[in-house]
Amino acid sequence: MSSRRRDASLLIDQPKLAAMTKLDRRQQLISALIGLSVVSFCMCAATAYNGVKALDLAKTGHTTEATVVQIDRYPRGDIVTITFDTADGPITTKCDQCPDGMSFGQHLTVRYDPDYPATVERAGSNSYRGLMVFMAFLLVAALTGTAVVGWRLSRQRRS
């Protein structure tokens, strides 16, 4: 009797199985669409936040001369430490946007946030533009992903 049950369990209504498979695919595509939308929104929000901070630094930051006081050389790039004077006294901080190949004692012009002087960028750099381009790329990728998933869902509904 157990062998008959095993054989009977293999007999599945094929149209019903096909309908369940289509439903599962739709659910997977909808889940992918929701996941893509959430991830894209979070990445765009983070990029927009950093872009606003960079734009604010470009508009309200103070420009001054800095001196390179330490260079840590690594295969992937140099970590440059600079010092410069502010109204509250001298500040020593890392310069993320300093180019590789700088030398000890070299002078460069930097822009810093007067409220948080450790936030520094090279004067003349437009880091906010790069962030805005990255955000536009993320937006295009999210819209393309949404369009592809929507097209697949509409194609599955017709079949």
N, C-alpha and C. Protein backbone atom coordinates (compact mmCIF):
# COMPACT_ATOMS: atom_id res chain seq x y z
N MET A 1 0.81 -1.19 0.00
CA MET A 1 0.00 0.00 0.00
C MET A 1 0.86 1.26 0.00
N SER A 2 1.97 1.18 0.69
CA SER A 2 2.83 2.35 0.71
C SER A 2 3.41 2.65 -0.66
N SER A 3 3.66 1.63 -1.48
CA SER A 3 4.18 1.89 -2.81
C SER A 3 3.13 2.57 -3.68
N ARG A 4 1.82 2.25 -3.48
CA ARG A 4 0.76 2.91 -4.24
C ARG A 4 0.67 4.38 -3.85
N ARG A 5 0.85 4.69 -2.58
CA ARG A 5 0.82 6.10 -2.15
C ARG A 5 1.97 6.87 -2.79
N ARG A 6 3.13 6.24 -2.79
CA ARG A 6 4.29 6.90 -3.38
C ARG A 6 4.05 7.16 -4.86
N ASP A 7 3.47 6.21 -5.56
CA ASP A 7 3.17 6.38 -6.98
C ASP A 7 2.10 7.43 -7.19
N ALA A 8 1.12 7.47 -6.31
CA ALA A 8 0.04 8.44 -6.44
C ALA A 8 0.54 9.86 -6.18
N SER A 9 1.54 10.00 -5.32
CA SER A 9 2.05 11.35 -5.03
C SER A 9 2.78 11.93 -6.23
N LEU A 10 3.24 11.08 -7.14
CA LEU A 10 3.92 11.56 -8.32
C LEU A 10 2.96 12.08 -9.38
N LEU A 11 1.69 11.73 -9.24
CA LEU A 11 0.69 12.19 -10.20
C LEU A 11 0.18 13.55 -9.76
N ILE A 12 0.72 14.60 -10.36
CA ILE A 12 0.35 15.96 -10.01
C ILE A 12 -0.32 16.57 -11.22
N ASP A 13 -1.34 17.33 -10.97
CA ASP A 13 -2.06 18.00 -12.04
C ASP A 13 -1.12 19.02 -12.70
N GLN A 14 -0.71 18.78 -13.93
CA GLN A 14 0.28 19.61 -14.62
C GLN A 14 -0.17 21.06 -14.79
N PRO A 15 -1.40 21.35 -15.20
CA PRO A 15 -1.81 22.77 -15.30
C PRO A 15 -1.74 23.50 -13.95
N LYS A 16 -2.11 22.78 -12.91
CA LYS A 16 -2.06 23.38 -11.58
C LYS A 16 -0.61 23.68 -11.18
N LEU A 17 0.30 22.75 -11.50
CA LEU A 17 1.72 22.94 -11.22
C LEU A 17 2.27 24.13 -12.01
N ALA A 18 1.88 24.25 -13.29
CA ALA A 18 2.32 25.37 -14.12
C ALA A 18 1.82 26.69 -13.56
N ALA A 19 0.56 26.72 -13.10
CA ALA A 19 0.01 27.95 -12.51
C ALA A 19 0.76 28.31 -11.24
N MET A 20 1.10 27.31 -10.43
CA MET A 20 1.84 27.58 -9.19
C MET A 20 3.24 28.10 -9.52
N THR A 21 3.87 27.55 -10.57
CA THR A 21 5.20 27.99 -10.96
C THR A 21 5.16 29.44 -11.44
N LYS A 22 4.13 29.80 -12.23
CA LYS A 22 4.00 31.19 -12.68
C LYS A 22 3.81 32.12 -11.50
N LEU A 23 3.00 31.70 -10.54
CA LEU A 23 2.76 32.51 -9.35
C LEU A 23 4.06 32.70 -8.58
N ASP A 24 4.83 31.61 -8.44
CA ASP A 24 6.10 31.71 -7.73
C ASP A 24 7.05 32.66 -8.44
N ARG A 25 7.11 32.60 -9.77
CA ARG A 25 7.97 33.51 -10.52
C ARG A 25 7.54 34.95 -10.34
N ARG A 26 6.25 35.18 -10.39
CA ARG A 26 5.75 36.55 -10.18
C ARG A 26 6.14 37.05 -8.79
N GLN A 27 5.96 36.19 -7.80
CA GLN A 27 6.32 36.59 -6.44
C GLN A 27 7.81 36.87 -6.33
N GLN A 28 8.63 36.06 -7.00
CA GLN A 28 10.07 36.29 -6.97
C GLN A 28 10.43 37.60 -7.66
N LEU A 29 9.79 37.88 -8.80
CA LEU A 29 10.07 39.13 -9.51
C LEU A 29 9.60 40.33 -8.71
N ILE A 30 8.45 40.22 -8.09
CA ILE A 30 7.95 41.33 -7.26
C ILE A 30 8.88 41.53 -6.06
N SER A 31 9.34 40.44 -5.45
CA SER A 31 10.29 40.56 -4.33
C SER A 31 11.59 41.20 -4.80
N ALA A 32 12.05 40.82 -5.99
CA ALA A 32 13.27 41.43 -6.53
C ALA A 32 13.06 42.91 -6.79
N LEU A 33 11.90 43.27 -7.30
CA LEU A 33 11.59 44.67 -7.55
C LEU A 33 11.56 45.47 -6.26
N ILE A 34 10.94 44.92 -5.24
CA ILE A 34 10.88 45.61 -3.95
C ILE A 34 12.30 45.75 -3.36
N GLY A 35 13.07 44.67 -3.42
CA GLY A 35 14.44 44.72 -2.90
C GLY A 35 15.29 45.73 -3.65
N LEU A 36 15.19 45.72 -4.98
CA LEU A 36 15.94 46.68 -5.80
C LEU A 36 15.53 48.11 -5.46
N SER A 37 14.26 48.33 -5.27
CA SER A 37 13.77 49.67 -4.96
C SER A 37 14.29 50.14 -3.60
N VAL A 38 14.26 49.27 -2.60
CA VAL A 38 14.73 49.64 -1.26
C VAL A 38 16.23 49.94 -1.27
N VAL A 39 17.01 49.05 -1.90
CA VAL A 39 18.46 49.25 -1.96
C VAL A 39 18.79 50.52 -2.73
N SER A 40 18.12 50.74 -3.85
CA SER A 40 18.37 51.94 -4.66
C SER A 40 18.02 53.20 -3.87
N PHE A 41 16.90 53.17 -3.17
CA PHE A 41 16.51 54.34 -2.38
C PHE A 41 17.55 54.64 -1.30
N CYS A 42 18.01 53.61 -0.60
CA CYS A 42 19.00 53.82 0.46
C CYS A 42 20.31 54.36 -0.11
N MET A 43 20.76 53.80 -1.24
CA MET A 43 22.00 54.28 -1.84
C MET A 43 21.85 55.71 -2.35
N CYS A 44 20.71 56.02 -2.95
CA CYS A 44 20.49 57.40 -3.42
C CYS A 44 20.42 58.37 -2.25
N ALA A 45 19.77 57.96 -1.15
CA ALA A 45 19.68 58.83 0.02
C ALA A 45 21.06 59.10 0.61
N ALA A 46 21.88 58.06 0.72
CA ALA A 46 23.24 58.23 1.26
C ALA A 46 24.08 59.12 0.35
N THR A 47 23.96 58.91 -0.95
CA THR A 47 24.72 59.72 -1.90
C THR A 47 24.25 61.16 -1.88
N ALA A 48 22.94 61.37 -1.79
CA ALA A 48 22.41 62.74 -1.72
C ALA A 48 22.91 63.44 -0.45
N TYR A 49 22.91 62.73 0.66
CA TYR A 49 23.39 63.30 1.93
C TYR A 49 24.86 63.73 1.80
N ASN A 50 25.69 62.82 1.27
CA ASN A 50 27.11 63.16 1.10
C ASN A 50 27.30 64.28 0.08
N GLY A 51 26.47 64.30 -0.95
CA GLY A 51 26.55 65.37 -1.94
C GLY A 51 26.20 66.73 -1.35
N VAL A 52 25.17 66.75 -0.50
CA VAL A 52 24.78 68.01 0.16
C VAL A 52 25.89 68.48 1.09
N LYS A 53 26.50 67.54 1.81
CA LYS A 53 27.62 67.91 2.69
C LYS A 53 28.78 68.47 1.89
N ALA A 54 29.11 67.83 0.77
CA ALA A 54 30.22 68.30 -0.07
C ALA A 54 29.91 69.65 -0.69
N LEU A 55 28.67 69.84 -1.12
CA LEU A 55 28.27 71.12 -1.70
C LEU A 55 28.30 72.22 -0.65
N ASP A 56 27.86 71.90 0.56
CA ASP A 56 27.91 72.87 1.66
C ASP A 56 29.35 73.25 1.99
N LEU A 57 30.24 72.27 1.98
CA LEU A 57 31.65 72.56 2.24
C LEU A 57 32.23 73.44 1.13
N ALA A 58 31.81 73.19 -0.10
CA ALA A 58 32.30 74.01 -1.22
C ALA A 58 31.82 75.44 -1.12
N LYS A 59 30.61 75.64 -0.57
CA LYS A 59 30.05 77.00 -0.49
C LYS A 59 30.51 77.75 0.76
N THR A 60 30.55 77.07 1.91
CA THR A 60 30.78 77.77 3.17
C THR A 60 32.14 77.48 3.80
N GLY A 61 32.92 76.58 3.18
CA GLY A 61 34.21 76.22 3.78
C GLY A 61 35.22 77.35 3.69
N HIS A 62 36.15 77.35 4.62
CA HIS A 62 37.24 78.32 4.62
C HIS A 62 38.44 77.71 3.90
N THR A 63 39.13 78.55 3.15
CA THR A 63 40.30 78.11 2.41
C THR A 63 41.56 78.58 3.12
N THR A 64 42.54 77.69 3.20
CA THR A 64 43.80 78.03 3.86
C THR A 64 44.93 77.17 3.28
N GLU A 65 46.15 77.52 3.66
CA GLU A 65 47.32 76.75 3.24
C GLU A 65 47.59 75.67 4.28
N ALA A 66 47.88 74.47 3.80
CA ALA A 66 48.21 73.35 4.68
C ALA A 66 49.59 72.81 4.32
N THR A 67 50.19 72.12 5.28
CA THR A 67 51.50 71.54 5.08
C THR A 67 51.42 70.03 5.33
N VAL A 68 52.04 69.25 4.46
CA VAL A 68 52.09 67.80 4.63
C VAL A 68 53.07 67.47 5.75
N VAL A 69 52.58 66.76 6.78
CA VAL A 69 53.43 66.44 7.92
C VAL A 69 53.72 64.94 8.02
N GLN A 70 52.96 64.11 7.30
CA GLN A 70 53.21 62.67 7.34
C GLN A 70 52.62 62.04 6.09
N ILE A 71 53.34 61.05 5.57
CA ILE A 71 52.85 60.31 4.40
C ILE A 71 53.05 58.83 4.67
N ASP A 72 51.96 58.09 4.63
CA ASP A 72 52.01 56.63 4.74
C ASP A 72 51.75 56.08 3.34
N ARG A 73 52.76 55.43 2.78
CA ARG A 73 52.64 54.93 1.41
C ARG A 73 52.19 53.46 1.42
N TYR A 74 51.15 53.20 0.63
CA TYR A 74 50.61 51.85 0.47
C TYR A 74 50.45 51.56 -1.01
N PRO A 75 50.37 50.28 -1.38
CA PRO A 75 50.23 49.95 -2.81
C PRO A 75 48.99 50.57 -3.45
N ARG A 76 47.93 50.73 -2.70
CA ARG A 76 46.69 51.29 -3.26
C ARG A 76 46.61 52.80 -3.15
N GLY A 77 47.61 53.43 -2.63
CA GLY A 77 47.61 54.89 -2.53
C GLY A 77 48.21 55.36 -1.22
N ASP A 78 48.48 56.65 -1.18
CA ASP A 78 49.09 57.26 -0.01
C ASP A 78 48.02 57.78 0.94
N ILE A 79 48.34 57.73 2.23
CA ILE A 79 47.53 58.40 3.24
C ILE A 79 48.34 59.60 3.71
N VAL A 80 47.82 60.78 3.42
CA VAL A 80 48.56 62.02 3.68
C VAL A 80 47.95 62.70 4.91
N THR A 81 48.80 63.07 5.85
CA THR A 81 48.38 63.83 7.03
C THR A 81 48.89 65.25 6.86
N ILE A 82 47.98 66.21 7.08
CA ILE A 82 48.32 67.62 6.91
C ILE A 82 48.06 68.38 8.19
N THR A 83 48.64 69.56 8.28
CA THR A 83 48.36 70.46 9.38
C THR A 83 48.11 71.85 8.80
N PHE A 84 47.18 72.56 9.42
CA PHE A 84 46.87 73.93 8.98
C PHE A 84 46.31 74.71 10.17
N ASP A 85 46.34 76.02 10.02
CA ASP A 85 45.88 76.91 11.10
C ASP A 85 44.44 77.31 10.88
N THR A 86 43.68 77.31 11.99
CA THR A 86 42.30 77.81 11.99
C THR A 86 42.21 78.90 13.04
N ALA A 87 41.02 79.49 13.15
CA ALA A 87 40.81 80.53 14.17
C ALA A 87 40.95 79.96 15.58
N ASP A 88 40.68 78.66 15.73
CA ASP A 88 40.77 78.01 17.04
C ASP A 88 42.14 77.39 17.31
N GLY A 89 43.06 77.52 16.37
CA GLY A 89 44.39 76.94 16.56
C GLY A 89 44.71 75.94 15.46
N PRO A 90 45.90 75.36 15.51
CA PRO A 90 46.31 74.42 14.45
C PRO A 90 45.54 73.10 14.52
N ILE A 91 45.31 72.53 13.37
CA ILE A 91 44.60 71.25 13.24
C ILE A 91 45.49 70.31 12.43
N THR A 92 45.56 69.07 12.86
CA THR A 92 46.25 68.03 12.11
C THR A 92 45.22 66.95 11.78
N THR A 93 45.11 66.62 10.50
CA THR A 93 44.09 65.65 10.06
C THR A 93 44.55 64.95 8.78
N LYS A 94 43.86 63.90 8.43
CA LYS A 94 44.14 63.18 7.19
C LYS A 94 43.45 63.89 6.03
N CYS A 95 44.11 63.91 4.89
CA CYS A 95 43.56 64.53 3.69
C CYS A 95 43.20 63.42 2.71
N ASP A 96 41.90 63.12 2.59
CA ASP A 96 41.44 62.03 1.72
C ASP A 96 41.63 62.34 0.25
N GLN A 97 41.58 63.60 -0.11
CA GLN A 97 41.63 63.97 -1.52
C GLN A 97 43.00 64.47 -1.96
N CYS A 98 43.99 64.32 -1.14
CA CYS A 98 45.34 64.73 -1.54
C CYS A 98 45.87 63.72 -2.55
N PRO A 99 46.52 64.20 -3.60
CA PRO A 99 47.01 63.27 -4.63
C PRO A 99 48.20 62.45 -4.13
N ASP A 100 48.37 61.29 -4.74
CA ASP A 100 49.55 60.47 -4.43
C ASP A 100 50.80 61.18 -4.94
N GLY A 101 51.92 60.83 -4.36
CA GLY A 101 53.18 61.40 -4.81
C GLY A 101 53.55 62.70 -4.14
N MET A 102 52.83 63.09 -3.10
CA MET A 102 53.18 64.32 -2.39
C MET A 102 54.41 64.05 -1.54
N SER A 103 55.09 65.11 -1.16
CA SER A 103 56.30 64.95 -0.36
C SER A 103 56.14 65.67 0.99
N PHE A 104 56.92 65.21 1.94
CA PHE A 104 56.90 65.80 3.28
C PHE A 104 57.24 67.29 3.20
N GLY A 105 56.46 68.12 3.87
CA GLY A 105 56.70 69.56 3.89
C GLY A 105 56.07 70.31 2.73
N GLN A 106 55.47 69.60 1.79
CA GLN A 106 54.85 70.25 0.65
C GLN A 106 53.61 71.03 1.10
N HIS A 107 53.38 72.17 0.46
CA HIS A 107 52.23 73.02 0.79
C HIS A 107 51.12 72.80 -0.24
N LEU A 108 49.89 72.87 0.23
CA LEU A 108 48.73 72.78 -0.65
C LEU A 108 47.60 73.61 -0.07
N THR A 109 46.68 74.01 -0.93
CA THR A 109 45.53 74.79 -0.50
C THR A 109 44.37 73.85 -0.23
N VAL A 110 43.79 73.98 0.97
CA VAL A 110 42.66 73.12 1.35
C VAL A 110 41.47 73.97 1.77
N ARG A 111 40.32 73.33 1.77
CA ARG A 111 39.10 73.96 2.25
C ARG A 111 38.60 73.11 3.41
N TYR A 112 38.21 73.76 4.50
CA TYR A 112 37.75 73.02 5.68
C TYR A 112 36.46 73.61 6.20
N ASP A 113 35.72 72.79 6.92
CA ASP A 113 34.47 73.21 7.54
C ASP A 113 34.83 73.90 8.86
N PRO A 114 34.45 75.19 9.04
CA PRO A 114 34.82 75.88 10.28
C PRO A 114 34.20 75.26 11.53
N ASP A 115 33.05 74.59 11.39
CA ASP A 115 32.42 73.95 12.55
C ASP A 115 33.10 72.62 12.89
N TYR A 116 33.61 71.92 11.88
CA TYR A 116 34.31 70.64 12.06
C TYR A 116 35.60 70.68 11.24
N PRO A 117 36.63 71.32 11.77
CA PRO A 117 37.85 71.56 10.99
C PRO A 117 38.54 70.30 10.48
N ALA A 118 38.24 69.14 11.05
CA ALA A 118 38.86 67.91 10.57
C ALA A 118 38.27 67.48 9.23
N THR A 119 37.15 68.07 8.81
CA THR A 119 36.56 67.79 7.49
C THR A 119 37.26 68.66 6.47
N VAL A 120 38.12 68.04 5.66
CA VAL A 120 39.00 68.78 4.76
C VAL A 120 38.89 68.20 3.35
N GLU A 121 39.01 69.09 2.37
CA GLU A 121 39.18 68.65 0.98
C GLU A 121 40.12 69.62 0.29
N ARG A 122 40.73 69.16 -0.79
CA ARG A 122 41.60 70.04 -1.56
C ARG A 122 40.76 71.17 -2.13
N ALA A 123 41.26 72.39 -2.06
CA ALA A 123 40.55 73.52 -2.65
C ALA A 123 40.54 73.34 -4.16
N GLY A 124 39.43 73.68 -4.76
CA GLY A 124 39.30 73.54 -6.21
C GLY A 124 38.74 72.21 -6.63
N SER A 125 38.63 71.24 -5.72
CA SER A 125 38.03 69.95 -6.11
C SER A 125 36.52 70.09 -6.06
N ASN A 126 35.87 69.40 -6.93
CA ASN A 126 34.41 69.43 -6.98
C ASN A 126 33.87 68.05 -6.67
N SER A 127 34.09 67.59 -5.45
CA SER A 127 33.69 66.23 -5.08
C SER A 127 32.17 66.05 -5.14
N TYR A 128 31.43 67.13 -4.95
CA TYR A 128 29.97 67.00 -4.99
C TYR A 128 29.49 66.66 -6.40
N ARG A 129 30.21 67.09 -7.40
CA ARG A 129 29.82 66.75 -8.78
C ARG A 129 29.94 65.25 -9.02
N GLY A 130 31.02 64.66 -8.54
CA GLY A 130 31.19 63.22 -8.68
C GLY A 130 30.09 62.45 -7.97
N LEU A 131 29.70 62.93 -6.78
CA LEU A 131 28.62 62.28 -6.05
C LEU A 131 27.29 62.41 -6.78
N MET A 132 27.06 63.56 -7.37
CA MET A 132 25.81 63.75 -8.11
C MET A 132 25.75 62.87 -9.36
N VAL A 133 26.89 62.72 -10.03
CA VAL A 133 26.94 61.83 -11.19
C VAL A 133 26.68 60.39 -10.75
N PHE A 134 27.27 59.99 -9.62
CA PHE A 134 27.04 58.64 -9.10
C PHE A 134 25.57 58.44 -8.75
N MET A 135 24.95 59.44 -8.16
CA MET A 135 23.53 59.33 -7.82
C MET A 135 22.68 59.22 -9.08
N ALA A 136 23.02 59.96 -10.11
CA ALA A 136 22.28 59.86 -11.38
C ALA A 136 22.44 58.46 -11.96
N PHE A 137 23.64 57.89 -11.87
CA PHE A 137 23.85 56.52 -12.34
C PHE A 137 22.99 55.54 -11.56
N LEU A 138 22.94 55.69 -10.23
CA LEU A 138 22.11 54.80 -9.42
C LEU A 138 20.64 54.92 -9.79
N LEU A 139 20.19 56.13 -10.04
CA LEU A 139 18.80 56.35 -10.41
C LEU A 139 18.49 55.67 -11.75
N VAL A 140 19.37 55.82 -12.72
CA VAL A 140 19.16 55.18 -14.02
C VAL A 140 19.17 53.66 -13.87
N ALA A 141 20.08 53.13 -13.06
CA ALA A 141 20.13 51.68 -12.83
C ALA A 141 18.85 51.19 -12.16
N ALA A 142 18.35 51.93 -11.18
CA ALA A 142 17.12 51.54 -10.51
C ALA A 142 15.92 51.58 -11.46
N LEU A 143 15.84 52.61 -12.27
CA LEU A 143 14.74 52.71 -13.23
C LEU A 143 14.82 51.61 -14.29
N THR A 144 16.03 51.30 -14.73
CA THR A 144 16.20 50.22 -15.70
C THR A 144 15.80 48.88 -15.10
N GLY A 145 16.23 48.62 -13.88
CA GLY A 145 15.85 47.38 -13.19
C GLY A 145 14.35 47.28 -13.01
N THR A 146 13.72 48.37 -12.64
CA THR A 146 12.27 48.39 -12.47
C THR A 146 11.57 48.13 -13.80
N ALA A 147 12.07 48.73 -14.87
CA ALA A 147 11.46 48.52 -16.19
C ALA A 147 11.60 47.07 -16.63
N VAL A 148 12.76 46.47 -16.40
CA VAL A 148 12.96 45.07 -16.80
C VAL A 148 12.04 44.15 -16.01
N VAL A 149 11.95 44.35 -14.71
CA VAL A 149 11.08 43.51 -13.89
C VAL A 149 9.62 43.72 -14.29
N GLY A 150 9.22 44.96 -14.53
CA GLY A 150 7.84 45.23 -14.97
C GLY A 150 7.55 44.59 -16.31
N TRP A 151 8.50 44.63 -17.22
CA TRP A 151 8.32 44.01 -18.54
C TRP A 151 8.17 42.50 -18.38
N ARG A 152 9.00 41.89 -17.52
CA ARG A 152 8.90 40.44 -17.31
C ARG A 152 7.57 40.07 -16.69
N LEU A 153 7.09 40.88 -15.75
CA LEU A 153 5.79 40.58 -15.13
C LEU A 153 4.66 40.69 -16.16
N SER A 154 4.68 41.73 -16.97
CA SER A 154 3.62 41.88 -17.97
C SER A 154 3.68 40.78 -19.02
N ARG A 155 4.88 40.33 -19.35
CA ARG A 155 5.03 39.25 -20.31
C ARG A 155 4.49 37.93 -19.74
N GLN A 156 4.70 37.71 -18.44
CA GLN A 156 4.21 36.49 -17.80
C GLN A 156 2.69 36.52 -17.66
N ARG A 157 2.11 37.69 -17.47
CA ARG A 157 0.65 37.78 -17.35
C ARG A 157 -0.03 37.40 -18.66
N ARG A 158 0.59 37.76 -19.77
CA ARG A 158 0.02 37.44 -21.09
C ARG A 158 0.08 35.96 -21.41
N SER A 159 1.10 35.29 -20.89
CA SER A 159 1.25 33.87 -21.24
C SER A 159 0.52 32.94 -20.30
